[in-house]
Amino acid sequence: MWPEDLFEYILANLADEIITTDIEIAQPMPCDRWVARSALQKAIRRGETEIALSALASLLNQDPATIWRHLGIIAIEDLGVA
């Protein structure tokens, strides 16, 4: 499977998973992007899914370009090789 095909496969499966999952849409936090980034990292660290989704929704509205970069930072700092 070529990288482009793999990417399309992942996107298609992700879309199917989102459609069939009973997840409520999180309401954005009423805060600026810096507080949302901090809340996202702390919520992931503590395992608080609802707060993490709310912070992520806020970041999506305010600064979507930084979401993936910040998730990468959280993965390195808080999750590590675990």
PDB file of N, CA and C in Angstrom:
ATOM      1  N   MET A   1       0.853  -1.177   0.000  1.00  0.00           N
ATOM      2  CA  MET A   1       0.000   0.000   0.000  1.00  0.00           C
ATOM      3  C   MET A   1       0.898   1.239   0.000  1.00  0.00           C
ATOM      4  N   TRP A   2       0.661   2.137  -0.912  1.00  0.00           N
ATOM      5  CA  TRP A   2       1.445   3.360  -1.010  1.00  0.00           C
ATOM      6  C   TRP A   2       1.019   4.350   0.058  1.00  0.00           C
ATOM      7  N   PRO A   3       1.890   5.273   0.453  1.00  0.00           N
ATOM      8  CA  PRO A   3       1.545   6.239   1.506  1.00  0.00           C
ATOM      9  C   PRO A   3       0.262   7.014   1.215  1.00  0.00           C
ATOM     10  N   GLU A   4       0.035   7.389  -0.048  1.00  0.00           N
ATOM     11  CA  GLU A   4      -1.186   8.121  -0.381  1.00  0.00           C
ATOM     12  C   GLU A   4      -2.420   7.254  -0.155  1.00  0.00           C
ATOM     13  N   ASP A   5      -2.302   5.971  -0.552  1.00  0.00           N
ATOM     14  CA  ASP A   5      -3.414   5.042  -0.356  1.00  0.00           C
ATOM     15  C   ASP A   5      -3.676   4.813   1.125  1.00  0.00           C
ATOM     16  N   LEU A   6      -2.620   4.700   1.888  1.00  0.00           N
ATOM     17  CA  LEU A   6      -2.760   4.499   3.324  1.00  0.00           C
ATOM     18  C   LEU A   6      -3.446   5.697   3.970  1.00  0.00           C
ATOM     19  N   PHE A   7      -3.054   6.896   3.569  1.00  0.00           N
ATOM     20  CA  PHE A   7      -3.661   8.116   4.100  1.00  0.00           C
ATOM     21  C   PHE A   7      -5.154   8.153   3.780  1.00  0.00           C
ATOM     22  N   GLU A   8      -5.524   7.843   2.542  1.00  0.00           N
ATOM     23  CA  GLU A   8      -6.935   7.814   2.144  1.00  0.00           C
ATOM     24  C   GLU A   8      -7.704   6.747   2.923  1.00  0.00           C
ATOM     25  N   TYR A   9      -7.075   5.596   3.147  1.00  0.00           N
ATOM     26  CA  TYR A   9      -7.698   4.517   3.908  1.00  0.00           C
ATOM     27  C   TYR A   9      -7.977   4.952   5.346  1.00  0.00           C
ATOM     28  N   ILE A  10      -7.000   5.605   5.951  1.00  0.00           N
ATOM     29  CA  ILE A  10      -7.161   6.082   7.327  1.00  0.00           C
ATOM     30  C   ILE A  10      -8.264   7.125   7.396  1.00  0.00           C
ATOM     31  N   LEU A  11      -8.281   8.077   6.461  1.00  0.00           N
ATOM     32  CA  LEU A  11      -9.322   9.105   6.458  1.00  0.00           C
ATOM     33  C   LEU A  11     -10.706   8.500   6.284  1.00  0.00           C
ATOM     34  N   ALA A  12     -10.836   7.532   5.392  1.00  0.00           N
ATOM     35  CA  ALA A  12     -12.135   6.897   5.161  1.00  0.00           C
ATOM     36  C   ALA A  12     -12.612   6.159   6.406  1.00  0.00           C
ATOM     37  N   ASN A  13     -11.717   5.413   7.041  1.00  0.00           N
ATOM     38  CA  ASN A  13     -12.098   4.693   8.257  1.00  0.00           C
ATOM     39  C   ASN A  13     -12.400   5.645   9.410  1.00  0.00           C
ATOM     40  N   LEU A  14     -11.651   6.729   9.504  1.00  0.00           N
ATOM     41  CA  LEU A  14     -11.907   7.718  10.549  1.00  0.00           C
ATOM     42  C   LEU A  14     -13.276   8.353  10.354  1.00  0.00           C
ATOM     43  N   ALA A  15     -13.622   8.690   9.111  1.00  0.00           N
ATOM     44  CA  ALA A  15     -14.931   9.271   8.828  1.00  0.00           C
ATOM     45  C   ALA A  15     -16.043   8.290   9.188  1.00  0.00           C
ATOM     46  N   ASP A  16     -15.879   7.018   8.836  1.00  0.00           N
ATOM     47  CA  ASP A  16     -16.879   6.007   9.187  1.00  0.00           C
ATOM     48  C   ASP A  16     -17.015   5.872  10.696  1.00  0.00           C
ATOM     49  N   GLU A  17     -15.902   5.901  11.391  1.00  0.00           N
ATOM     50  CA  GLU A  17     -15.907   5.769  12.848  1.00  0.00           C
ATOM     51  C   GLU A  17     -16.610   6.953  13.502  1.00  0.00           C
ATOM     52  N   ILE A  18     -16.365   8.144  12.996  1.00  0.00           N
ATOM     53  CA  ILE A  18     -17.008   9.341  13.544  1.00  0.00           C
ATOM     54  C   ILE A  18     -18.512   9.290  13.325  1.00  0.00           C
ATOM     55  N   ILE A  19     -18.927   8.836  12.152  1.00  0.00           N
ATOM     56  CA  ILE A  19     -20.359   8.781  11.834  1.00  0.00           C
ATOM     57  C   ILE A  19     -21.074   7.775  12.720  1.00  0.00           C
ATOM     58  N   THR A  20     -20.449   6.643  13.013  1.00  0.00           N
ATOM     59  CA  THR A  20     -21.121   5.577  13.754  1.00  0.00           C
ATOM     60  C   THR A  20     -20.938   5.669  15.270  1.00  0.00           C
ATOM     61  N   THR A  21     -20.187   6.619  15.756  1.00  0.00           N
ATOM     62  CA  THR A  21     -19.936   6.733  17.181  1.00  0.00           C
ATOM     63  C   THR A  21     -20.933   7.694  17.816  1.00  0.00           C
ATOM     64  N   ASP A  22     -21.384   7.366  19.005  1.00  0.00           N
ATOM     65  CA  ASP A  22     -22.337   8.209  19.725  1.00  0.00           C
ATOM     66  C   ASP A  22     -21.616   9.191  20.634  1.00  0.00           C
ATOM     67  N   ILE A  23     -20.817  10.063  20.056  1.00  0.00           N
ATOM     68  CA  ILE A  23     -20.083  11.061  20.835  1.00  0.00           C
ATOM     69  C   ILE A  23     -20.794  12.386  20.714  1.00  0.00           C
ATOM     70  N   GLU A  24     -21.028  13.030  21.825  1.00  0.00           N
ATOM     71  CA  GLU A  24     -21.634  14.357  21.793  1.00  0.00           C
ATOM     72  C   GLU A  24     -20.581  15.382  21.396  1.00  0.00           C
ATOM     73  N   ILE A  25     -21.003  16.384  20.646  1.00  0.00           N
ATOM     74  CA  ILE A  25     -20.098  17.448  20.243  1.00  0.00           C
ATOM     75  C   ILE A  25     -19.801  18.310  21.460  1.00  0.00           C
ATOM     76  N   ALA A  26     -18.526  18.515  21.724  1.00  0.00           N
ATOM     77  CA  ALA A  26     -18.111  19.291  22.887  1.00  0.00           C
ATOM     78  C   ALA A  26     -18.324  20.780  22.627  1.00  0.00           C
ATOM     79  N   GLN A  27     -18.758  21.479  23.647  1.00  0.00           N
ATOM     80  CA  GLN A  27     -18.893  22.933  23.571  1.00  0.00           C
ATOM     81  C   GLN A  27     -17.544  23.559  23.866  1.00  0.00           C
ATOM     82  N   PRO A  28     -17.130  24.556  23.075  1.00  0.00           N
ATOM     83  CA  PRO A  28     -15.839  25.201  23.319  1.00  0.00           C
ATOM     84  C   PRO A  28     -15.792  25.901  24.669  1.00  0.00           C
ATOM     85  N   MET A  29     -14.622  25.932  25.266  1.00  0.00           N
ATOM     86  CA  MET A  29     -14.419  26.648  26.523  1.00  0.00           C
ATOM     87  C   MET A  29     -14.455  28.157  26.250  1.00  0.00           C
ATOM     88  N   PRO A  30     -15.029  28.917  27.148  1.00  0.00           N
ATOM     89  CA  PRO A  30     -15.016  30.376  26.967  1.00  0.00           C
ATOM     90  C   PRO A  30     -13.698  30.969  27.472  1.00  0.00           C
ATOM     91  N   CYS A  31     -12.634  30.765  26.703  1.00  0.00           N
ATOM     92  CA  CYS A  31     -11.314  31.236  27.117  1.00  0.00           C
ATOM     93  C   CYS A  31     -10.465  31.516  25.884  1.00  0.00           C
ATOM     94  N   ASP A  32      -9.287  32.092  26.104  1.00  0.00           N
ATOM     95  CA  ASP A  32      -8.389  32.336  24.970  1.00  0.00           C
ATOM     96  C   ASP A  32      -7.628  31.062  24.630  1.00  0.00           C
ATOM     97  N   ARG A  33      -6.854  31.102  23.546  1.00  0.00           N
ATOM     98  CA  ARG A  33      -6.191  29.893  23.067  1.00  0.00           C
ATOM     99  C   ARG A  33      -5.113  29.390  24.008  1.00  0.00           C
ATOM    100  N   TRP A  34      -4.488  30.274  24.762  1.00  0.00           N
ATOM    101  CA  TRP A  34      -3.416  29.861  25.676  1.00  0.00           C
ATOM    102  C   TRP A  34      -3.976  29.040  26.838  1.00  0.00           C
ATOM    103  N   VAL A  35      -5.102  29.483  27.364  1.00  0.00           N
ATOM    104  CA  VAL A  35      -5.750  28.734  28.452  1.00  0.00           C
ATOM    105  C   VAL A  35      -6.279  27.409  27.920  1.00  0.00           C
ATOM    106  N   ALA A  36      -6.817  27.430  26.703  1.00  0.00           N
ATOM    107  CA  ALA A  36      -7.325  26.191  26.101  1.00  0.00           C
ATOM    108  C   ALA A  36      -6.201  25.175  25.889  1.00  0.00           C
ATOM    109  N   ARG A  37      -5.034  25.639  25.429  1.00  0.00           N
ATOM    110  CA  ARG A  37      -3.892  24.733  25.244  1.00  0.00           C
ATOM    111  C   ARG A  37      -3.460  24.123  26.572  1.00  0.00           C
ATOM    112  N   SER A  38      -3.403  24.943  27.603  1.00  0.00           N
ATOM    113  CA  SER A  38      -3.017  24.451  28.923  1.00  0.00           C
ATOM    114  C   SER A  38      -4.051  23.465  29.462  1.00  0.00           C
ATOM    115  N   ALA A  39      -5.332  23.813  29.308  1.00  0.00           N
ATOM    116  CA  ALA A  39      -6.400  22.928  29.785  1.00  0.00           C
ATOM    117  C   ALA A  39      -6.390  21.603  29.040  1.00  0.00           C
ATOM    118  N   LEU A  40      -6.103  21.641  27.737  1.00  0.00           N
ATOM    119  CA  LEU A  40      -6.031  20.414  26.957  1.00  0.00           C
ATOM    120  C   LEU A  40      -4.939  19.493  27.491  1.00  0.00           C
ATOM    121  N   GLN A  41      -3.772  20.050  27.724  1.00  0.00           N
ATOM    122  CA  GLN A  41      -2.653  19.234  28.206  1.00  0.00           C
ATOM    123  C   GLN A  41      -2.944  18.674  29.597  1.00  0.00           C
ATOM    124  N   LYS A  42      -3.482  19.496  30.474  1.00  0.00           N
ATOM    125  CA  LYS A  42      -3.777  19.012  31.828  1.00  0.00           C
ATOM    126  C   LYS A  42      -4.889  17.976  31.821  1.00  0.00           C
ATOM    127  N   ALA A  43      -5.896  18.175  30.963  1.00  0.00           N
ATOM    128  CA  ALA A  43      -7.000  17.216  30.896  1.00  0.00           C
ATOM    129  C   ALA A  43      -6.527  15.864  30.357  1.00  0.00           C
ATOM    130  N   ILE A  44      -5.658  15.888  29.358  1.00  0.00           N
ATOM    131  CA  ILE A  44      -5.116  14.630  28.838  1.00  0.00           C
ATOM    132  C   ILE A  44      -4.278  13.948  29.907  1.00  0.00           C
ATOM    133  N   ARG A  45      -3.478  14.718  30.609  1.00  0.00           N
ATOM    134  CA  ARG A  45      -2.629  14.169  31.667  1.00  0.00           C
ATOM    135  C   ARG A  45      -3.463  13.508  32.763  1.00  0.00           C
ATOM    136  N   ARG A  46      -4.610  14.100  33.063  1.00  0.00           N
ATOM    137  CA  ARG A  46      -5.464  13.599  34.140  1.00  0.00           C
ATOM    138  C   ARG A  46      -6.528  12.615  33.664  1.00  0.00           C
ATOM    139  N   GLY A  47      -6.643  12.437  32.359  1.00  0.00           N
ATOM    140  CA  GLY A  47      -7.635  11.510  31.818  1.00  0.00           C
ATOM    141  C   GLY A  47      -9.047  12.058  31.829  1.00  0.00           C
ATOM    142  N   GLU A  48      -9.205  13.367  31.785  1.00  0.00           N
ATOM    143  CA  GLU A  48     -10.523  14.012  31.808  1.00  0.00           C
ATOM    144  C   GLU A  48     -10.960  14.294  30.363  1.00  0.00           C
ATOM    145  N   THR A  49     -11.678  13.343  29.791  1.00  0.00           N
ATOM    146  CA  THR A  49     -12.026  13.383  28.374  1.00  0.00           C
ATOM    147  C   THR A  49     -12.896  14.570  28.005  1.00  0.00           C
ATOM    148  N   GLU A  50     -13.928  14.850  28.797  1.00  0.00           N
ATOM    149  CA  GLU A  50     -14.854  15.934  28.458  1.00  0.00           C
ATOM    150  C   GLU A  50     -14.145  17.286  28.435  1.00  0.00           C
ATOM    151  N   ILE A  51     -13.282  17.528  29.395  1.00  0.00           N
ATOM    152  CA  ILE A  51     -12.547  18.795  29.437  1.00  0.00           C
ATOM    153  C   ILE A  51     -11.578  18.874  28.260  1.00  0.00           C
ATOM    154  N   ALA A  52     -10.923  17.772  27.945  1.00  0.00           N
ATOM    155  CA  ALA A  52      -9.998  17.752  26.808  1.00  0.00           C
ATOM    156  C   ALA A  52     -10.729  18.050  25.504  1.00  0.00           C
ATOM    157  N   LEU A  53     -11.895  17.469  25.308  1.00  0.00           N
ATOM    158  CA  LEU A  53     -12.663  17.722  24.089  1.00  0.00           C
ATOM    159  C   LEU A  53     -13.154  19.158  24.026  1.00  0.00           C
ATOM    160  N   SER A  54     -13.544  19.703  25.158  1.00  0.00           N
ATOM    161  CA  SER A  54     -13.976  21.098  25.198  1.00  0.00           C
ATOM    162  C   SER A  54     -12.823  22.043  24.877  1.00  0.00           C
ATOM    163  N   ALA A  55     -11.662  21.780  25.430  1.00  0.00           N
ATOM    164  CA  ALA A  55     -10.480  22.596  25.136  1.00  0.00           C
ATOM    165  C   ALA A  55     -10.088  22.453  23.674  1.00  0.00           C
ATOM    166  N   LEU A  56     -10.189  21.247  23.141  1.00  0.00           N
ATOM    167  CA  LEU A  56      -9.871  21.013  21.742  1.00  0.00           C
ATOM    168  C   LEU A  56     -10.847  21.748  20.826  1.00  0.00           C
ATOM    169  N   ALA A  57     -12.122  21.763  21.189  1.00  0.00           N
ATOM    170  CA  ALA A  57     -13.118  22.508  20.408  1.00  0.00           C
ATOM    171  C   ALA A  57     -12.812  23.998  20.424  1.00  0.00           C
ATOM    172  N   SER A  58     -12.376  24.502  21.562  1.00  0.00           N
ATOM    173  CA  SER A  58     -12.006  25.908  21.656  1.00  0.00           C
ATOM    174  C   SER A  58     -10.807  26.219  20.769  1.00  0.00           C
ATOM    175  N   LEU A  59      -9.798  25.347  20.792  1.00  0.00           N
ATOM    176  CA  LEU A  59      -8.629  25.540  19.931  1.00  0.00           C
ATOM    177  C   LEU A  59      -9.006  25.452  18.458  1.00  0.00           C
ATOM    178  N   LEU A  60      -9.926  24.573  18.134  1.00  0.00           N
ATOM    179  CA  LEU A  60     -10.358  24.431  16.749  1.00  0.00           C
ATOM    180  C   LEU A  60     -10.998  25.725  16.251  1.00  0.00           C
ATOM    181  N   ASN A  61     -11.737  26.398  17.111  1.00  0.00           N
ATOM    182  CA  ASN A  61     -12.361  27.665  16.737  1.00  0.00           C
ATOM    183  C   ASN A  61     -11.357  28.806  16.654  1.00  0.00           C
ATOM    184  N   GLN A  62     -10.376  28.827  17.550  1.00  0.00           N
ATOM    185  CA  GLN A  62      -9.491  29.975  17.671  1.00  0.00           C
ATOM    186  C   GLN A  62      -8.183  29.846  16.913  1.00  0.00           C
ATOM    187  N   ASP A  63      -7.571  28.669  16.918  1.00  0.00           N
ATOM    188  CA  ASP A  63      -6.243  28.519  16.332  1.00  0.00           C
ATOM    189  C   ASP A  63      -6.031  27.086  15.842  1.00  0.00           C
ATOM    190  N   PRO A  64      -6.747  26.683  14.778  1.00  0.00           N
ATOM    191  CA  PRO A  64      -6.688  25.290  14.347  1.00  0.00           C
ATOM    192  C   PRO A  64      -5.312  24.848  13.840  1.00  0.00           C
ATOM    193  N   ALA A  65      -4.486  25.773  13.408  1.00  0.00           N
ATOM    194  CA  ALA A  65      -3.179  25.411  12.860  1.00  0.00           C
ATOM    195  C   ALA A  65      -2.238  24.827  13.910  1.00  0.00           C
ATOM    196  N   THR A  66      -2.457  25.136  15.164  1.00  0.00           N
ATOM    197  CA  THR A  66      -1.545  24.677  16.210  1.00  0.00           C
ATOM    198  C   THR A  66      -1.964  23.371  16.881  1.00  0.00           C
ATOM    199  N   ILE A  67      -3.122  22.851  16.523  1.00  0.00           N
ATOM    200  CA  ILE A  67      -3.643  21.666  17.224  1.00  0.00           C
ATOM    201  C   ILE A  67      -2.702  20.477  17.091  1.00  0.00           C
ATOM    202  N   TRP A  68      -2.320  20.106  15.871  1.00  0.00           N
ATOM    203  CA  TRP A  68      -1.472  18.934  15.678  1.00  0.00           C
ATOM    204  C   TRP A  68      -0.108  19.114  16.313  1.00  0.00           C
ATOM    205  N   ARG A  69       0.449  20.327  16.197  1.00  0.00           N
ATOM    206  CA  ARG A  69       1.765  20.568  16.796  1.00  0.00           C
ATOM    207  C   ARG A  69       1.682  20.413  18.310  1.00  0.00           C
ATOM    208  N   HIS A  70       0.640  20.959  18.902  1.00  0.00           N
ATOM    209  CA  HIS A  70       0.528  20.875  20.355  1.00  0.00           C
ATOM    210  C   HIS A  70       0.232  19.443  20.814  1.00  0.00           C
ATOM    211  N   LEU A  71      -0.562  18.698  20.039  1.00  0.00           N
ATOM    212  CA  LEU A  71      -0.800  17.291  20.392  1.00  0.00           C
ATOM    213  C   LEU A  71       0.501  16.487  20.335  1.00  0.00           C
ATOM    214  N   GLY A  72       1.359  16.825  19.392  1.00  0.00           N
ATOM    215  CA  GLY A  72       2.669  16.170  19.327  1.00  0.00           C
ATOM    216  C   GLY A  72       3.509  16.468  20.556  1.00  0.00           C
ATOM    217  N   ILE A  73       3.470  17.716  20.998  1.00  0.00           N
ATOM    218  CA  ILE A  73       4.202  18.109  22.207  1.00  0.00           C
ATOM    219  C   ILE A  73       3.660  17.373  23.424  1.00  0.00           C
ATOM    220  N   ILE A  74       2.329  17.289  23.521  1.00  0.00           N
ATOM    221  CA  ILE A  74       1.721  16.576  24.650  1.00  0.00           C
ATOM    222  C   ILE A  74       2.139  15.102  24.617  1.00  0.00           C
ATOM    223  N   ALA A  75       2.138  14.520  23.431  1.00  0.00           N
ATOM    224  CA  ALA A  75       2.536  13.104  23.324  1.00  0.00           C
ATOM    225  C   ALA A  75       3.956  12.888  23.794  1.00  0.00           C
ATOM    226  N   ILE A  76       4.848  13.800  23.459  1.00  0.00           N
ATOM    227  CA  ILE A  76       6.256  13.649  23.874  1.00  0.00           C
ATOM    228  C   ILE A  76       6.415  13.917  25.359  1.00  0.00           C
ATOM    229  N   GLU A  77       5.814  15.003  25.860  1.00  0.00           N
ATOM    230  CA  GLU A  77       6.019  15.387  27.251  1.00  0.00           C
ATOM    231  C   GLU A  77       5.283  14.508  28.249  1.00  0.00           C
ATOM    232  N   ASP A  78       4.039  14.149  27.933  1.00  0.00           N
ATOM    233  CA  ASP A  78       3.199  13.471  28.925  1.00  0.00           C
ATOM    234  C   ASP A  78       3.032  11.985  28.692  1.00  0.00           C
ATOM    235  N   LEU A  79       3.041  11.552  27.447  1.00  0.00           N
ATOM    236  CA  LEU A  79       2.827  10.145  27.169  1.00  0.00           C
ATOM    237  C   LEU A  79       4.123   9.394  26.985  1.00  0.00           C
ATOM    238  N   GLY A  80       5.095  10.023  26.382  1.00  0.00           N
ATOM    239  CA  GLY A  80       6.397   9.389  26.182  1.00  0.00           C
ATOM    240  C   GLY A  80       6.304   8.141  25.337  1.00  0.00           C
ATOM    241  N   VAL A  81       7.127   7.177  25.656  1.00  0.00           N
ATOM    242  CA  VAL A  81       7.125   5.933  24.899  1.00  0.00           C
ATOM    243  C   VAL A  81       6.128   4.919  25.445  1.00  0.00           C
ATOM    244  N   ALA A  82       5.363   5.319  26.442  1.00  0.00           N
ATOM    245  CA  ALA A  82       4.361   4.421  27.018  1.00  0.00           C
ATOM    246  C   ALA A  82       3.321   4.126  25.999  1.00  0.00           C
TER     247      ALA A  82
END
